[in-house]
Amino acid sequence: MMGLALASALALIDWADTGTPKPVWMFLLPTAFGLLGGIVAALKKSFGWALISLAFGLLVVQLLSVVVTVVQGP
């Protein structure tokens, strides 16, 4: 699920430089994948991985925006 969260976050980047905005629901996908991964891990009694998956899903969009700003400039 963390891989899907990362892939959905990378899909938010405008790779073709078209300038068209992404739909709002796409910004919720990484968090949803992180939450789903956390639930699956918690059901398997892997509480550490559940916490890591949830945190990754919540933070991946914010980290991606910082990385894009650093690379492309403000």
C-alpha atoms as a PDB file:
ATOM      1  CA  MET A   1       0.000   0.000   0.000  1.00  0.00           C
ATOM      2  CA  MET A   2       2.911   2.353   0.594  1.00  0.00           C
ATOM      3  CA  GLY A   3       3.988   1.766  -3.009  1.00  0.00           C
ATOM      4  CA  LEU A   4       0.513   2.685  -4.210  1.00  0.00           C
ATOM      5  CA  ALA A   5       0.557   5.787  -2.008  1.00  0.00           C
ATOM      6  CA  LEU A   6       3.862   6.842  -3.546  1.00  0.00           C
ATOM      7  CA  ALA A   7       2.669   6.097  -7.084  1.00  0.00           C
ATOM      8  CA  SER A   8      -0.529   8.077  -6.581  1.00  0.00           C
ATOM      9  CA  ALA A   9       1.465  10.977  -5.132  1.00  0.00           C
ATOM     10  CA  LEU A  10       3.823  10.935  -8.113  1.00  0.00           C
ATOM     11  CA  ALA A  11       0.767  11.012 -10.391  1.00  0.00           C
ATOM     12  CA  LEU A  12       0.003  14.449  -8.944  1.00  0.00           C
ATOM     13  CA  ILE A  13       3.085  15.962 -10.583  1.00  0.00           C
ATOM     14  CA  ASP A  14       2.465  17.736 -13.883  1.00  0.00           C
ATOM     15  CA  TRP A  15       5.111  15.818 -15.822  1.00  0.00           C
ATOM     16  CA  ALA A  16       4.041  17.197 -19.247  1.00  0.00           C
ATOM     17  CA  ASP A  17       3.937  20.798 -17.948  1.00  0.00           C
ATOM     18  CA  THR A  18       0.400  21.344 -19.259  1.00  0.00           C
ATOM     19  CA  GLY A  19      -0.727  23.495 -16.350  1.00  0.00           C
ATOM     20  CA  THR A  20      -4.063  21.717 -16.008  1.00  0.00           C
ATOM     21  CA  PRO A  21      -5.009  21.099 -12.384  1.00  0.00           C
ATOM     22  CA  LYS A  22      -5.540  17.602 -11.058  1.00  0.00           C
ATOM     23  CA  PRO A  23      -8.944  16.652  -9.617  1.00  0.00           C
ATOM     24  CA  VAL A  24      -9.278  17.175  -5.877  1.00  0.00           C
ATOM     25  CA  TRP A  25     -10.026  13.496  -5.238  1.00  0.00           C
ATOM     26  CA  MET A  26      -6.521  12.581  -6.482  1.00  0.00           C
ATOM     27  CA  PHE A  27      -5.029  14.360  -3.463  1.00  0.00           C
ATOM     28  CA  LEU A  28      -6.936  11.992  -1.181  1.00  0.00           C
ATOM     29  CA  LEU A  29      -5.604   8.793  -2.781  1.00  0.00           C
ATOM     30  CA  PRO A  30      -2.206   8.681  -0.986  1.00  0.00           C
ATOM     31  CA  THR A  31      -3.900   9.174   2.376  1.00  0.00           C
ATOM     32  CA  ALA A  32      -6.498   6.521   1.560  1.00  0.00           C
ATOM     33  CA  PHE A  33      -3.806   4.026   0.559  1.00  0.00           C
ATOM     34  CA  GLY A  34      -1.855   4.787   3.735  1.00  0.00           C
ATOM     35  CA  LEU A  35      -4.957   4.326   5.858  1.00  0.00           C
ATOM     36  CA  LEU A  36      -5.854   1.080   4.110  1.00  0.00           C
ATOM     37  CA  GLY A  37      -2.299  -0.221   4.548  1.00  0.00           C
ATOM     38  CA  GLY A  38      -2.427   0.714   8.210  1.00  0.00           C
ATOM     39  CA  ILE A  39      -5.682  -1.179   8.664  1.00  0.00           C
ATOM     40  CA  VAL A  40      -4.342  -4.281   6.903  1.00  0.00           C
ATOM     41  CA  ALA A  41      -1.149  -4.206   8.990  1.00  0.00           C
ATOM     42  CA  ALA A  42      -3.112  -3.708  12.210  1.00  0.00           C
ATOM     43  CA  LEU A  43      -5.312  -6.684  11.388  1.00  0.00           C
ATOM     44  CA  LYS A  44      -2.144  -8.755  10.996  1.00  0.00           C
ATOM     45  CA  LYS A  45      -0.969  -7.497  14.412  1.00  0.00           C
ATOM     46  CA  SER A  46       1.956  -5.556  12.897  1.00  0.00           C
ATOM     47  CA  PHE A  47       1.314  -2.340  14.767  1.00  0.00           C
ATOM     48  CA  GLY A  48       4.678  -0.796  13.898  1.00  0.00           C
ATOM     49  CA  TRP A  49       4.047  -1.213  10.174  1.00  0.00           C
ATOM     50  CA  ALA A  50       0.515   0.076  10.653  1.00  0.00           C
ATOM     51  CA  LEU A  51       1.873   3.286  12.142  1.00  0.00           C
ATOM     52  CA  ILE A  52       4.528   3.626   9.445  1.00  0.00           C
ATOM     53  CA  SER A  53       2.017   3.054   6.646  1.00  0.00           C
ATOM     54  CA  LEU A  54      -0.424   5.563   8.081  1.00  0.00           C
ATOM     55  CA  ALA A  55       2.280   8.191   8.608  1.00  0.00           C
ATOM     56  CA  PHE A  56       3.643   7.639   5.098  1.00  0.00           C
ATOM     57  CA  GLY A  57       0.183   8.028   3.580  1.00  0.00           C
ATOM     58  CA  LEU A  58      -0.405  11.238   5.498  1.00  0.00           C
ATOM     59  CA  LEU A  59       2.990  12.801   4.791  1.00  0.00           C
ATOM     60  CA  VAL A  60       3.798  11.750   1.215  1.00  0.00           C
ATOM     61  CA  VAL A  61       1.890  14.621  -0.456  1.00  0.00           C
ATOM     62  CA  GLN A  62       3.465  17.223   1.833  1.00  0.00           C
ATOM     63  CA  LEU A  63       6.960  15.806   1.271  1.00  0.00           C
ATOM     64  CA  LEU A  64       6.365  15.712  -2.475  1.00  0.00           C
ATOM     65  CA  SER A  65       5.363  19.370  -2.532  1.00  0.00           C
ATOM     66  CA  VAL A  66       8.543  20.319  -0.635  1.00  0.00           C
ATOM     67  CA  VAL A  67      10.717  18.293  -3.018  1.00  0.00           C
ATOM     68  CA  VAL A  68       9.065  19.817  -6.105  1.00  0.00           C
ATOM     69  CA  THR A  69       9.496  23.324  -4.660  1.00  0.00           C
ATOM     70  CA  VAL A  70      13.176  22.711  -3.898  1.00  0.00           C
ATOM     71  CA  VAL A  71      13.852  21.252  -7.351  1.00  0.00           C
ATOM     72  CA  GLN A  72      11.850  23.738  -9.457  1.00  0.00           C
ATOM     73  CA  GLY A  73      12.090  26.777  -7.237  1.00  0.00           C
ATOM     74  CA  PRO A  74       9.296  28.863  -5.688  1.00  0.00           C
END
